[in-house]
Amino acid sequence: METQQSEKKYENINVEKSESLVGIVRLNRPIGMNALSSSLMKELLEALNELDADDEVRCIVVTGGDKIFSAGADIKEMSNIGTIDALKRGNLDYFDNIRKITKPIIAAINGYCLGGGLELAMACDILIGGENSKLGQPEINIGIMPGAGGTQRLTRAVGKYKAMDLILSGRLIGAKEAYDAGLLSRVVPDESVLIEAKRLASEISSKSPLAARVAKECVLKAFDTTLKDGLEFERRNFYLLLGSEDKEEGMKAFTEKRKASFKGR
């Protein structure tokens, strides 16, 4: 899968695009263990928005280094910020805005994925972890708590009691425990994490981008509403897709026993 570097240069991330309609964003603050500084998060959201608006991209992969996805928030930066400054800066809003990206996002996790790093991963749609990865919300060890979605998204992923265990103890868990708890979508050998993420992203990119976008919206809706309202939202969107060109192409290709060529219309 050949890739090309983004023409735009960033200080804290690298951005690539592949021929298979996949955008790849790599956290790149190795000296700081990919700590999520405000400047990194600003660049990350900017890159994700650009890829979201790019017709040559249908799925996005977010990854870190071979040994660490992200150690979490930039503690040095955070230690100098008080309550009022934090409210004014609104750095935690970056995580909510990542959730607004319409294209599927896959988090490819190797090594440590902690605190804000795990919250970033959970803001994505599919989480693929290396077999030796370590995940956790250890904020309690420095006298704070998760503030970028950890208490909410982790609880929805693993349930109340497991979330309480992880958040209140601050302990780290391995990939198998995370997978068994429902936190990881897939576990693969460490050296295969990015390969598998790219492969899955390429597979998703071959599907109808319109159907993928609407299906993502419907799954996210399940966490924000009642079952009744969620079913109504799903049904309306199902009917919407019945009028798309992608539906016509998909069903025609199925009957003709050929691969569909989706245009996102």
Protein backbone atom coordinates (compact mmCIF):
# COMPACT_ATOMS: atom_id res chain seq x y z
CA MET A 1 0.00 0.00 0.00
CA GLU A 2 1.87 3.07 -1.23
CA THR A 3 1.51 6.27 0.72
CA GLN A 4 2.27 9.90 0.10
CA GLN A 5 3.18 12.50 2.68
CA SER A 6 0.89 15.44 3.25
CA GLU A 7 2.14 18.66 1.70
CA LYS A 8 1.32 20.46 4.92
CA LYS A 9 4.00 20.21 7.58
CA TYR A 10 3.15 19.76 11.24
CA GLU A 11 5.39 19.89 14.31
CA ASN A 12 3.71 17.18 16.39
CA ILE A 13 2.11 14.81 13.88
CA ASN A 14 2.78 13.24 10.50
CA VAL A 15 0.05 12.85 7.89
CA GLU A 16 -0.01 10.47 4.93
CA LYS A 17 -2.52 9.35 2.32
CA SER A 18 -2.53 5.96 0.62
CA GLU A 19 -3.73 4.93 -2.82
CA SER A 20 -6.51 2.92 -1.16
CA LEU A 21 -8.34 6.03 0.08
CA VAL A 22 -6.87 5.84 3.59
CA GLY A 23 -5.56 8.79 5.59
CA ILE A 24 -2.95 8.07 8.27
CA VAL A 25 -2.17 10.42 11.15
CA ARG A 26 0.80 9.54 13.36
CA LEU A 27 1.41 11.25 16.71
CA ASN A 28 5.02 12.41 16.60
CA ARG A 29 6.32 13.77 19.93
CA PRO A 30 8.76 10.97 20.78
CA ILE A 31 10.72 13.00 23.33
CA GLY A 32 7.49 13.70 25.21
CA MET A 33 6.13 10.14 24.87
CA ASN A 34 3.48 11.54 22.50
CA ALA A 35 1.99 13.55 25.34
CA LEU A 36 -1.14 15.35 24.14
CA SER A 37 -0.14 18.99 24.40
CA SER A 38 -2.60 21.64 23.30
CA SER A 39 -0.50 22.26 20.18
CA LEU A 40 -0.55 18.56 19.27
CA MET A 41 -4.30 18.32 19.77
CA LYS A 42 -4.85 21.44 17.69
CA GLU A 43 -2.79 19.98 14.83
CA LEU A 44 -4.50 16.59 15.17
CA LEU A 45 -7.99 18.05 14.91
CA GLU A 46 -6.94 20.25 11.99
CA ALA A 47 -5.52 17.25 10.14
CA LEU A 48 -8.59 15.11 10.86
CA ASN A 49 -10.90 17.84 9.57
CA GLU A 50 -8.85 18.17 6.40
CA LEU A 51 -8.95 14.41 5.81
CA ASP A 52 -12.67 14.41 6.56
CA ALA A 53 -13.19 16.96 3.79
CA ASP A 54 -10.89 15.16 1.33
CA ASP A 55 -12.76 13.15 -1.32
CA GLU A 56 -9.66 11.00 -1.80
CA VAL A 57 -9.94 9.69 1.77
CA ARG A 58 -12.69 7.39 3.03
CA CYS A 59 -11.23 6.06 6.26
CA ILE A 60 -8.65 7.41 8.73
CA VAL A 61 -6.05 5.67 10.91
CA VAL A 62 -4.64 7.38 14.01
CA THR A 63 -1.50 5.83 15.45
CA GLY A 64 1.56 6.59 17.55
CA GLY A 65 4.99 5.05 17.84
CA ASP A 66 6.08 1.42 17.96
CA LYS A 67 6.53 1.53 21.73
CA ILE A 68 3.92 4.06 22.76
CA PHE A 69 0.62 5.34 21.41
CA SER A 70 0.42 8.19 23.92
CA ALA A 71 1.29 8.54 27.60
CA GLY A 72 -1.62 10.94 28.00
CA ALA A 73 -1.87 14.63 28.75
CA ASP A 74 1.17 16.88 28.83
CA ILE A 75 1.59 17.03 32.62
CA LYS A 76 4.13 19.85 32.52
CA GLU A 77 1.71 21.96 30.53
CA MET A 78 -1.23 20.99 32.72
CA SER A 79 0.56 21.70 36.01
CA ASN A 80 0.74 25.39 35.14
CA ILE A 81 -2.94 25.75 34.27
CA GLY A 82 -5.55 26.73 36.84
CA THR A 83 -9.30 26.28 36.73
CA ILE A 84 -10.15 29.53 34.97
CA ASP A 85 -7.37 29.18 32.38
CA ALA A 86 -8.46 25.61 31.63
CA LEU A 87 -12.05 26.72 31.10
CA LYS A 88 -10.96 29.53 28.79
CA ARG A 89 -8.62 27.36 26.73
CA GLY A 90 -11.17 24.59 26.28
CA ASN A 91 -8.52 21.99 25.44
CA LEU A 92 -10.86 19.13 26.37
CA ASP A 93 -13.18 20.23 23.56
CA TYR A 94 -10.72 18.74 21.07
CA PHE A 95 -11.79 15.25 22.11
CA ASP A 96 -15.48 16.02 21.57
CA ASN A 97 -14.72 17.53 18.17
CA ILE A 98 -12.88 14.39 17.07
CA ARG A 99 -16.14 12.55 17.60
CA LYS A 100 -17.73 14.87 15.00
CA ILE A 101 -15.48 13.58 12.22
CA THR A 102 -17.86 11.87 9.79
CA LYS A 103 -15.46 9.29 8.35
CA PRO A 104 -14.58 6.12 10.28
CA ILE A 105 -11.44 6.46 12.42
CA ILE A 106 -9.33 3.48 13.47
CA ALA A 107 -6.96 3.78 16.42
CA ALA A 108 -3.84 1.62 15.91
CA ILE A 109 -2.36 1.13 19.39
CA ASN A 110 1.12 -0.11 20.23
CA GLY A 111 2.73 0.08 23.65
CA TYR A 112 1.34 2.41 26.28
CA CYS A 113 -2.04 4.05 25.75
CA LEU A 114 -2.74 5.94 28.95
CA GLY A 115 -4.97 8.68 30.32
CA GLY A 116 -5.69 11.18 27.59
CA GLY A 117 -4.11 8.76 25.11
CA LEU A 118 -6.78 6.19 25.89
CA GLU A 119 -9.44 8.91 25.80
CA LEU A 120 -8.19 9.86 22.34
CA ALA A 121 -8.34 6.23 21.22
CA MET A 122 -11.87 5.90 22.61
CA ALA A 123 -12.94 8.96 20.61
CA CYS A 124 -12.15 6.85 17.54
CA ASP A 125 -14.50 4.21 16.13
CA ILE A 126 -12.43 1.01 16.04
CA LEU A 127 -9.51 0.17 18.35
CA ILE A 128 -6.81 -2.27 17.26
CA GLY A 129 -4.21 -3.11 19.88
CA GLY A 130 -0.86 -4.86 19.83
CA GLU A 131 -0.68 -7.95 22.02
CA ASN A 132 1.79 -6.24 24.37
CA SER A 133 -0.02 -2.92 24.59
CA LYS A 134 -0.96 -1.49 27.99
CA LEU A 135 -4.07 0.61 28.53
CA GLY A 136 -5.39 2.54 31.49
CA GLN A 137 -6.69 5.71 33.11
CA PRO A 138 -4.04 6.40 35.78
CA GLU A 139 -5.02 10.02 36.43
CA ILE A 140 -5.95 9.27 40.05
CA ASN A 141 -2.27 8.66 40.75
CA ILE A 142 -1.56 12.38 40.28
CA GLY A 143 -4.62 13.59 42.14
CA ILE A 144 -7.03 14.14 39.26
CA MET A 145 -9.49 12.07 37.23
CA PRO A 146 -10.19 11.47 33.53
CA GLY A 147 -11.57 14.65 32.01
CA ALA A 148 -11.63 14.04 28.26
CA GLY A 149 -14.34 11.39 28.22
CA GLY A 150 -12.74 8.60 30.24
CA THR A 151 -15.45 8.26 32.87
CA GLN A 152 -18.13 8.23 30.18
CA ARG A 153 -16.69 6.37 27.18
CA LEU A 154 -14.82 3.79 29.22
CA THR A 155 -17.96 3.04 31.23
CA ARG A 156 -19.97 2.61 28.04
CA ALA A 157 -17.30 0.31 26.64
CA VAL A 158 -16.65 -1.97 29.62
CA GLY A 159 -19.50 -1.36 32.06
CA LYS A 160 -19.77 0.33 35.45
CA TYR A 161 -17.83 -2.11 37.59
CA LYS A 162 -14.84 -2.56 35.30
CA ALA A 163 -14.65 1.19 34.71
CA MET A 164 -14.75 1.83 38.46
CA ASP A 165 -11.94 -0.67 38.96
CA LEU A 166 -9.70 0.93 36.33
CA ILE A 167 -10.42 4.57 37.14
CA LEU A 168 -10.28 4.32 40.93
CA SER A 169 -7.22 2.07 41.09
CA GLY A 170 -5.38 3.62 38.16
CA ARG A 171 -4.06 0.19 37.20
CA LEU A 172 -3.04 -0.71 33.67
CA ILE A 173 -4.41 -3.67 31.75
CA GLY A 174 -2.97 -5.70 28.90
CA ALA A 175 -4.45 -6.18 25.47
CA LYS A 176 -6.17 -9.48 26.24
CA GLU A 177 -7.97 -8.09 29.28
CA ALA A 178 -8.91 -4.98 27.32
CA TYR A 179 -10.27 -7.10 24.47
CA ASP A 180 -12.19 -9.41 26.80
CA ALA A 181 -13.72 -6.34 28.47
CA GLY A 182 -14.85 -4.90 25.13
CA LEU A 183 -12.35 -2.05 25.02
CA LEU A 184 -10.37 -3.29 22.00
CA SER A 185 -11.94 -4.37 18.72
CA ARG A 186 -9.03 -6.61 17.73
CA VAL A 187 -5.69 -7.76 19.13
CA VAL A 188 -2.83 -8.57 16.77
CA PRO A 189 0.96 -9.08 17.07
CA ASP A 190 2.73 -5.81 17.83
CA GLU A 191 4.44 -5.68 14.47
CA SER A 192 1.10 -6.10 12.69
CA VAL A 193 -0.91 -3.33 14.37
CA LEU A 194 -0.48 -0.66 11.70
CA ILE A 195 -0.61 -3.24 8.92
CA GLU A 196 -3.94 -4.57 10.19
CA ALA A 197 -5.30 -1.05 10.73
CA LYS A 198 -4.40 -0.07 7.18
CA ARG A 199 -5.85 -3.31 5.82
CA LEU A 200 -9.13 -2.77 7.66
CA ALA A 201 -9.22 0.90 6.66
CA SER A 202 -8.71 -0.12 3.02
CA GLU A 203 -11.53 -2.65 3.33
CA ILE A 204 -13.87 -0.03 4.80
CA SER A 205 -12.83 2.41 2.07
CA SER A 206 -14.00 -0.05 -0.58
CA LYS A 207 -17.55 0.11 0.80
CA SER A 208 -20.10 2.84 0.19
CA PRO A 209 -18.76 5.98 1.93
CA LEU A 210 -22.30 7.28 2.26
CA ALA A 211 -23.48 4.10 3.99
CA ALA A 212 -20.38 4.08 6.22
CA ARG A 213 -20.99 7.66 7.30
CA VAL A 214 -24.64 7.09 8.11
CA ALA A 215 -23.98 3.77 9.86
CA LYS A 216 -21.34 5.48 12.04
CA GLU A 217 -23.84 8.18 12.97
CA CYS A 218 -26.41 5.57 13.93
CA VAL A 219 -24.00 3.59 16.13
CA LEU A 220 -22.92 6.78 17.93
CA LYS A 221 -26.56 7.73 18.36
CA ALA A 222 -27.11 4.53 20.34
CA PHE A 223 -25.07 6.02 23.18
CA ASP A 224 -26.89 9.35 23.20
CA THR A 225 -30.54 8.41 23.18
CA THR A 226 -33.20 5.88 24.14
CA LEU A 227 -33.68 2.65 22.24
CA LYS A 228 -36.96 3.93 20.82
CA ASP A 229 -35.43 7.15 19.49
CA GLY A 230 -32.37 5.30 18.28
CA LEU A 231 -34.47 2.85 16.28
CA GLU A 232 -36.38 5.71 14.70
CA PHE A 233 -33.09 7.42 13.78
CA GLU A 234 -31.78 4.18 12.29
CA ARG A 235 -34.95 3.60 10.29
CA ARG A 236 -34.97 7.09 8.79
CA ASN A 237 -31.37 6.72 7.70
CA PHE A 238 -32.02 3.27 6.27
CA TYR A 239 -34.79 4.74 4.11
CA LEU A 240 -32.46 7.58 3.12
CA LEU A 241 -29.87 5.14 1.80
CA LEU A 242 -32.50 3.35 -0.30
CA GLY A 243 -32.56 6.44 -2.51
CA SER A 244 -28.80 6.60 -3.06
CA GLU A 245 -26.81 5.78 -6.19
CA ASP A 246 -24.54 3.63 -4.04
CA LYS A 247 -27.51 1.42 -3.15
CA GLU A 248 -28.34 0.98 -6.85
CA GLU A 249 -24.71 0.17 -7.67
CA GLY A 250 -24.29 -2.18 -4.70
CA MET A 251 -27.37 -4.24 -5.44
CA LYS A 252 -26.65 -4.32 -9.17
CA ALA A 253 -23.10 -5.48 -8.53
CA PHE A 254 -24.42 -8.17 -6.17
CA THR A 255 -26.78 -9.60 -8.77
CA GLU A 256 -24.10 -9.38 -11.47
CA LYS A 257 -21.55 -11.07 -9.18
CA ARG A 258 -18.94 -8.32 -9.48
CA LYS A 259 -17.23 -5.87 -7.16
CA ALA A 260 -19.22 -2.68 -6.60
CA SER A 261 -17.77 0.73 -7.46
CA PHE A 262 -19.18 3.15 -4.92
CA LYS A 263 -19.14 6.92 -5.51
CA GLY A 264 -20.61 8.19 -2.25
CA ARG A 265 -23.78 9.49 -3.86
